[in-house]
Amino acid sequence: PFFSRGGFDGRPTRGPARFGPRGMGGPRLRFAPPQEHFDEAPHPGCTVFMKNVPYKAGTNEILDFFDGYNMTNNVSRRYNPNNTPSDEAKVVFFDPDEAFRAVQDLHHKKIWDRQIYLRQ
């Protein structure tokens, strides 16, 4: 039989789940997300997309690749359906000019023995 695990804090949930309009699948939000969630989104042009990243390269290796550039620590790695890293990643810079400079300087440079392809 199915037993409910309760809420996020481990306590039992109270009452039936409330779904949004037309059964959209989630509980209705009582309040909008805080404004700072919207302020954290990168500005257009600040994201650099990487291709051909070594499968075993971690966040530190990717950050080291961009050493000397004014960037955030925001690195996202794409994973395959079998939960292994793909050869794609993206990094976020503080401003689009710095992202552009990194793409110009580092496109076709290597991480270990693999040539990295960059686009903004």
N, C-alpha and C. Protein backbone atom coordinates (compact mmCIF):
# COMPACT_ATOMS: atom_id res chain seq x y z
N PRO A 1 0.81 -1.18 0.00
CA PRO A 1 0.00 0.00 0.00
C PRO A 1 0.86 1.25 0.00
N PHE A 2 0.27 2.36 -0.41
CA PHE A 2 0.95 3.64 -0.49
C PHE A 2 0.76 4.40 0.81
N PHE A 3 1.87 4.86 1.38
CA PHE A 3 1.81 5.67 2.59
C PHE A 3 2.42 7.03 2.30
N SER A 4 1.74 8.06 2.71
CA SER A 4 2.25 9.41 2.49
C SER A 4 3.41 9.68 3.44
N ARG A 5 4.44 10.31 2.93
CA ARG A 5 5.58 10.68 3.76
C ARG A 5 5.35 11.99 4.49
N GLY A 6 4.32 12.68 4.14
CA GLY A 6 4.05 13.95 4.80
C GLY A 6 4.68 15.11 4.06
N GLY A 7 4.75 16.24 4.76
CA GLY A 7 5.26 17.47 4.15
C GLY A 7 6.77 17.50 4.12
N PHE A 8 7.33 18.62 3.66
CA PHE A 8 8.77 18.76 3.52
C PHE A 8 9.47 18.73 4.87
N ASP A 9 8.79 19.15 5.91
CA ASP A 9 9.42 19.18 7.22
C ASP A 9 9.25 17.87 7.99
N GLY A 10 8.70 16.84 7.35
CA GLY A 10 8.52 15.54 7.98
C GLY A 10 7.20 15.38 8.71
N ARG A 11 6.47 16.47 8.89
CA ARG A 11 5.17 16.39 9.55
C ARG A 11 4.13 15.91 8.55
N PRO A 12 3.07 15.30 9.05
CA PRO A 12 2.03 14.86 8.12
C PRO A 12 1.37 16.04 7.43
N THR A 13 0.98 15.83 6.19
CA THR A 13 0.27 16.89 5.47
C THR A 13 -1.15 16.97 5.98
N ARG A 14 -1.76 18.13 5.83
CA ARG A 14 -3.13 18.33 6.31
C ARG A 14 -4.05 18.53 5.12
N GLY A 15 -5.05 17.73 5.04
CA GLY A 15 -6.09 17.90 4.03
C GLY A 15 -5.63 17.49 2.64
N PRO A 16 -6.55 17.54 1.70
CA PRO A 16 -6.23 17.13 0.34
C PRO A 16 -5.37 18.17 -0.36
N ALA A 17 -4.61 17.72 -1.37
CA ALA A 17 -3.80 18.64 -2.15
C ALA A 17 -4.71 19.54 -2.97
N ARG A 18 -4.33 20.80 -3.06
CA ARG A 18 -5.10 21.75 -3.86
C ARG A 18 -4.36 21.99 -5.16
N PHE A 19 -5.06 21.79 -6.24
CA PHE A 19 -4.44 21.96 -7.54
C PHE A 19 -4.89 23.26 -8.17
N GLY A 20 -4.02 23.81 -9.02
CA GLY A 20 -4.29 25.08 -9.68
C GLY A 20 -5.38 24.95 -10.72
N PRO A 21 -5.60 26.00 -11.47
CA PRO A 21 -6.64 25.99 -12.49
C PRO A 21 -6.42 24.88 -13.51
N ARG A 22 -7.50 24.25 -13.87
CA ARG A 22 -7.50 23.18 -14.87
C ARG A 22 -6.57 22.03 -14.48
N GLY A 23 -6.40 21.80 -13.21
CA GLY A 23 -5.60 20.66 -12.75
C GLY A 23 -4.16 20.71 -13.21
N MET A 24 -3.52 21.85 -13.06
CA MET A 24 -2.16 22.03 -13.57
C MET A 24 -1.12 21.21 -12.80
N GLY A 25 -1.49 20.46 -11.81
CA GLY A 25 -0.58 19.51 -11.21
C GLY A 25 0.18 19.97 -9.98
N GLY A 26 -0.04 21.14 -9.50
CA GLY A 26 0.69 21.58 -8.32
C GLY A 26 -0.19 22.39 -7.40
N PRO A 27 0.21 22.52 -6.15
CA PRO A 27 -0.59 23.33 -5.25
C PRO A 27 -0.54 24.80 -5.68
N ARG A 28 -1.61 25.49 -5.40
CA ARG A 28 -1.71 26.90 -5.75
C ARG A 28 -0.81 27.72 -4.83
N LEU A 29 -0.07 28.67 -5.39
CA LEU A 29 0.79 29.52 -4.58
C LEU A 29 -0.04 30.62 -3.94
N ARG A 30 0.22 30.87 -2.68
CA ARG A 30 -0.51 31.93 -1.99
C ARG A 30 0.14 33.28 -2.24
N PHE A 31 1.45 33.29 -2.45
CA PHE A 31 2.17 34.53 -2.66
C PHE A 31 3.10 34.36 -3.85
N ALA A 32 3.41 35.44 -4.51
CA ALA A 32 4.36 35.39 -5.62
C ALA A 32 5.76 35.15 -5.08
N PRO A 33 6.66 34.56 -5.89
CA PRO A 33 8.04 34.39 -5.43
C PRO A 33 8.67 35.74 -5.11
N PRO A 34 9.61 35.76 -4.17
CA PRO A 34 10.26 37.02 -3.82
C PRO A 34 10.93 37.66 -5.04
N GLN A 35 10.98 38.98 -5.06
CA GLN A 35 11.53 39.72 -6.19
C GLN A 35 12.98 39.36 -6.47
N GLU A 36 13.76 39.02 -5.42
CA GLU A 36 15.18 38.72 -5.65
C GLU A 36 15.38 37.51 -6.56
N HIS A 37 14.38 36.62 -6.66
CA HIS A 37 14.51 35.50 -7.59
C HIS A 37 14.55 35.99 -9.03
N PHE A 38 13.86 37.07 -9.32
CA PHE A 38 13.86 37.61 -10.67
C PHE A 38 15.12 38.42 -10.94
N ASP A 39 15.64 39.06 -9.90
CA ASP A 39 16.83 39.89 -10.05
C ASP A 39 18.07 39.05 -10.32
N GLU A 40 18.08 37.77 -9.94
CA GLU A 40 19.25 36.93 -10.09
C GLU A 40 19.41 36.36 -11.49
N ALA A 41 18.43 36.49 -12.34
CA ALA A 41 18.53 35.94 -13.69
C ALA A 41 19.63 36.68 -14.44
N PRO A 42 20.47 35.93 -15.18
CA PRO A 42 21.55 36.60 -15.91
C PRO A 42 21.00 37.51 -17.00
N HIS A 43 21.69 38.61 -17.23
CA HIS A 43 21.31 39.53 -18.29
C HIS A 43 21.60 38.88 -19.64
N PRO A 44 20.90 39.29 -20.68
CA PRO A 44 21.16 38.72 -22.02
C PRO A 44 22.62 38.90 -22.41
N GLY A 45 23.20 37.85 -22.95
CA GLY A 45 24.59 37.90 -23.39
C GLY A 45 25.59 37.52 -22.34
N CYS A 46 25.16 37.28 -21.10
CA CYS A 46 26.09 36.95 -20.02
C CYS A 46 26.39 35.45 -19.94
N THR A 47 25.64 34.63 -20.65
CA THR A 47 25.83 33.18 -20.59
C THR A 47 26.70 32.72 -21.75
N VAL A 48 27.70 31.90 -21.43
CA VAL A 48 28.57 31.29 -22.45
C VAL A 48 28.30 29.79 -22.45
N PHE A 49 28.05 29.26 -23.63
CA PHE A 49 27.76 27.84 -23.79
C PHE A 49 29.02 27.13 -24.25
N MET A 50 29.30 26.00 -23.61
CA MET A 50 30.50 25.22 -23.91
C MET A 50 30.11 23.89 -24.56
N LYS A 51 30.92 23.45 -25.51
CA LYS A 51 30.70 22.16 -26.16
C LYS A 51 32.03 21.43 -26.19
N ASN A 52 31.99 20.11 -26.11
CA ASN A 52 33.15 19.22 -26.14
C ASN A 52 33.93 19.24 -24.82
N VAL A 53 33.24 19.52 -23.73
CA VAL A 53 33.86 19.50 -22.40
C VAL A 53 34.17 18.05 -22.03
N PRO A 54 35.36 17.76 -21.50
CA PRO A 54 35.66 16.38 -21.10
C PRO A 54 34.62 15.87 -20.09
N TYR A 55 34.24 14.63 -20.25
CA TYR A 55 33.20 14.05 -19.41
C TYR A 55 33.58 14.05 -17.94
N LYS A 56 34.85 13.91 -17.64
CA LYS A 56 35.29 13.85 -16.24
C LYS A 56 35.66 15.22 -15.67
N ALA A 57 35.54 16.26 -16.47
CA ALA A 57 35.84 17.61 -15.97
C ALA A 57 34.74 18.05 -15.03
N GLY A 58 35.13 18.55 -13.88
CA GLY A 58 34.16 19.02 -12.90
C GLY A 58 34.04 20.53 -12.94
N THR A 59 33.30 21.05 -12.00
CA THR A 59 33.09 22.49 -11.91
C THR A 59 34.41 23.24 -11.75
N ASN A 60 35.32 22.70 -10.95
CA ASN A 60 36.59 23.39 -10.72
C ASN A 60 37.41 23.50 -12.00
N GLU A 61 37.42 22.45 -12.81
CA GLU A 61 38.16 22.50 -14.07
C GLU A 61 37.56 23.52 -15.03
N ILE A 62 36.23 23.60 -15.03
CA ILE A 62 35.56 24.57 -15.90
C ILE A 62 35.85 25.99 -15.41
N LEU A 63 35.79 26.21 -14.10
CA LEU A 63 36.12 27.54 -13.56
C LEU A 63 37.58 27.89 -13.83
N ASP A 64 38.49 26.92 -13.72
CA ASP A 64 39.90 27.17 -14.01
C ASP A 64 40.11 27.56 -15.47
N PHE A 65 39.32 26.99 -16.38
CA PHE A 65 39.41 27.32 -17.80
C PHE A 65 39.17 28.81 -18.02
N PHE A 66 38.29 29.40 -17.24
CA PHE A 66 37.95 30.82 -17.37
C PHE A 66 38.69 31.70 -16.35
N ASP A 67 39.77 31.19 -15.78
CA ASP A 67 40.53 31.94 -14.79
C ASP A 67 40.99 33.28 -15.37
N GLY A 68 40.81 34.35 -14.60
CA GLY A 68 41.21 35.68 -15.05
C GLY A 68 40.07 36.49 -15.63
N TYR A 69 38.91 35.87 -15.80
CA TYR A 69 37.74 36.57 -16.32
C TYR A 69 36.77 36.86 -15.19
N ASN A 70 36.05 37.96 -15.28
CA ASN A 70 35.11 38.37 -14.25
C ASN A 70 33.80 37.61 -14.46
N MET A 71 33.69 36.48 -13.78
CA MET A 71 32.52 35.64 -13.95
C MET A 71 31.99 35.18 -12.60
N THR A 72 30.76 34.71 -12.61
CA THR A 72 30.16 34.15 -11.40
C THR A 72 30.68 32.74 -11.21
N ASN A 73 30.30 32.10 -10.14
CA ASN A 73 30.60 30.68 -9.94
C ASN A 73 29.46 29.81 -10.44
N ASN A 74 28.60 30.38 -11.27
CA ASN A 74 27.42 29.69 -11.78
C ASN A 74 27.81 28.85 -12.99
N VAL A 75 28.02 27.56 -12.77
CA VAL A 75 28.35 26.60 -13.82
C VAL A 75 27.26 25.55 -13.85
N SER A 76 26.69 25.31 -15.01
CA SER A 76 25.68 24.26 -15.16
C SER A 76 26.20 23.22 -16.14
N ARG A 77 26.09 21.98 -15.75
CA ARG A 77 26.54 20.87 -16.59
C ARG A 77 25.33 20.10 -17.05
N ARG A 78 25.23 19.77 -18.32
CA ARG A 78 24.12 18.98 -18.84
C ARG A 78 24.43 17.50 -18.64
N TYR A 79 23.40 16.73 -18.30
CA TYR A 79 23.55 15.29 -18.08
C TYR A 79 22.71 14.51 -19.08
N ASN A 80 23.21 13.33 -19.44
CA ASN A 80 22.50 12.43 -20.34
C ASN A 80 21.39 11.73 -19.58
N PRO A 81 20.46 11.08 -20.29
CA PRO A 81 19.37 10.36 -19.61
C PRO A 81 19.86 9.28 -18.64
N ASN A 82 21.06 8.73 -18.88
CA ASN A 82 21.59 7.71 -17.96
C ASN A 82 22.39 8.34 -16.81
N ASN A 83 22.21 9.66 -16.59
CA ASN A 83 22.80 10.40 -15.47
C ASN A 83 24.32 10.50 -15.53
N THR A 84 24.89 10.52 -16.73
CA THR A 84 26.31 10.77 -16.90
C THR A 84 26.47 12.14 -17.56
N PRO A 85 27.56 12.85 -17.27
CA PRO A 85 27.73 14.18 -17.85
C PRO A 85 27.83 14.12 -19.37
N SER A 86 27.21 15.08 -20.03
CA SER A 86 27.37 15.21 -21.48
C SER A 86 28.60 16.08 -21.73
N ASP A 87 28.82 16.44 -22.97
CA ASP A 87 29.97 17.29 -23.29
C ASP A 87 29.59 18.77 -23.30
N GLU A 88 28.43 19.12 -22.74
CA GLU A 88 27.95 20.50 -22.76
C GLU A 88 27.90 21.10 -21.35
N ALA A 89 28.17 22.39 -21.29
CA ALA A 89 28.07 23.13 -20.03
C ALA A 89 27.78 24.58 -20.37
N LYS A 90 27.36 25.32 -19.36
CA LYS A 90 27.20 26.77 -19.55
C LYS A 90 27.68 27.47 -18.29
N VAL A 91 28.23 28.66 -18.49
CA VAL A 91 28.73 29.47 -17.39
C VAL A 91 28.14 30.87 -17.53
N VAL A 92 28.02 31.57 -16.41
CA VAL A 92 27.41 32.89 -16.40
C VAL A 92 28.45 33.92 -15.97
N PHE A 93 28.54 34.99 -16.75
CA PHE A 93 29.44 36.10 -16.48
C PHE A 93 28.64 37.26 -15.90
N PHE A 94 29.35 38.21 -15.29
CA PHE A 94 28.67 39.37 -14.72
C PHE A 94 28.19 40.35 -15.78
N ASP A 95 28.91 40.41 -16.91
CA ASP A 95 28.45 41.33 -17.96
C ASP A 95 28.74 40.73 -19.34
N PRO A 96 27.96 41.12 -20.35
CA PRO A 96 28.09 40.52 -21.68
C PRO A 96 29.43 40.83 -22.36
N ASP A 97 30.04 41.96 -22.06
CA ASP A 97 31.33 42.28 -22.68
C ASP A 97 32.42 41.31 -22.22
N GLU A 98 32.38 40.96 -20.94
CA GLU A 98 33.36 40.01 -20.42
C GLU A 98 33.11 38.62 -21.00
N ALA A 99 31.86 38.24 -21.16
CA ALA A 99 31.52 36.96 -21.78
C ALA A 99 32.02 36.93 -23.22
N PHE A 100 31.83 38.02 -23.95
CA PHE A 100 32.29 38.12 -25.33
C PHE A 100 33.81 37.99 -25.40
N ARG A 101 34.50 38.67 -24.50
CA ARG A 101 35.97 38.60 -24.47
C ARG A 101 36.46 37.18 -24.20
N ALA A 102 35.78 36.48 -23.28
CA ALA A 102 36.16 35.10 -22.98
C ALA A 102 35.96 34.20 -24.20
N VAL A 103 34.85 34.38 -24.91
CA VAL A 103 34.59 33.56 -26.10
C VAL A 103 35.67 33.85 -27.15
N GLN A 104 36.01 35.12 -27.36
CA GLN A 104 37.03 35.47 -28.36
C GLN A 104 38.39 34.89 -27.99
N ASP A 105 38.74 34.94 -26.72
CA ASP A 105 40.07 34.50 -26.29
C ASP A 105 40.19 32.98 -26.15
N LEU A 106 39.13 32.31 -25.72
CA LEU A 106 39.24 30.91 -25.32
C LEU A 106 38.62 29.91 -26.29
N HIS A 107 37.90 30.38 -27.30
CA HIS A 107 37.29 29.47 -28.29
C HIS A 107 38.41 28.64 -28.92
N HIS A 108 38.26 27.34 -28.93
CA HIS A 108 39.21 26.35 -29.46
C HIS A 108 40.38 26.07 -28.52
N LYS A 109 40.42 26.68 -27.33
CA LYS A 109 41.45 26.31 -26.35
C LYS A 109 41.05 24.96 -25.75
N LYS A 110 41.97 24.35 -24.99
CA LYS A 110 41.73 22.99 -24.51
C LYS A 110 41.55 22.91 -23.01
N ILE A 111 40.70 21.98 -22.61
CA ILE A 111 40.66 21.46 -21.25
C ILE A 111 41.20 20.06 -21.38
N TRP A 112 42.31 19.81 -20.73
CA TRP A 112 43.07 18.57 -20.88
C TRP A 112 43.42 18.40 -22.35
N ASP A 113 42.96 17.37 -23.01
CA ASP A 113 43.33 17.16 -24.42
C ASP A 113 42.16 17.43 -25.37
N ARG A 114 41.10 18.06 -24.88
CA ARG A 114 39.91 18.29 -25.72
C ARG A 114 39.74 19.76 -26.04
N GLN A 115 39.58 20.04 -27.32
CA GLN A 115 39.34 21.40 -27.78
C GLN A 115 37.92 21.82 -27.39
N ILE A 116 37.79 22.99 -26.80
CA ILE A 116 36.50 23.48 -26.31
C ILE A 116 35.94 24.49 -27.29
N TYR A 117 34.65 24.33 -27.60
CA TYR A 117 33.96 25.24 -28.50
C TYR A 117 33.03 26.11 -27.66
N LEU A 118 33.12 27.41 -27.85
CA LEU A 118 32.35 28.36 -27.05
C LEU A 118 31.45 29.20 -27.95
N ARG A 119 30.29 29.56 -27.41
CA ARG A 119 29.41 30.53 -28.08
C ARG A 119 28.66 31.29 -27.00
N GLN A 120 28.26 32.49 -27.37
CA GLN A 120 27.57 33.36 -26.43
C GLN A 120 26.08 33.30 -26.65
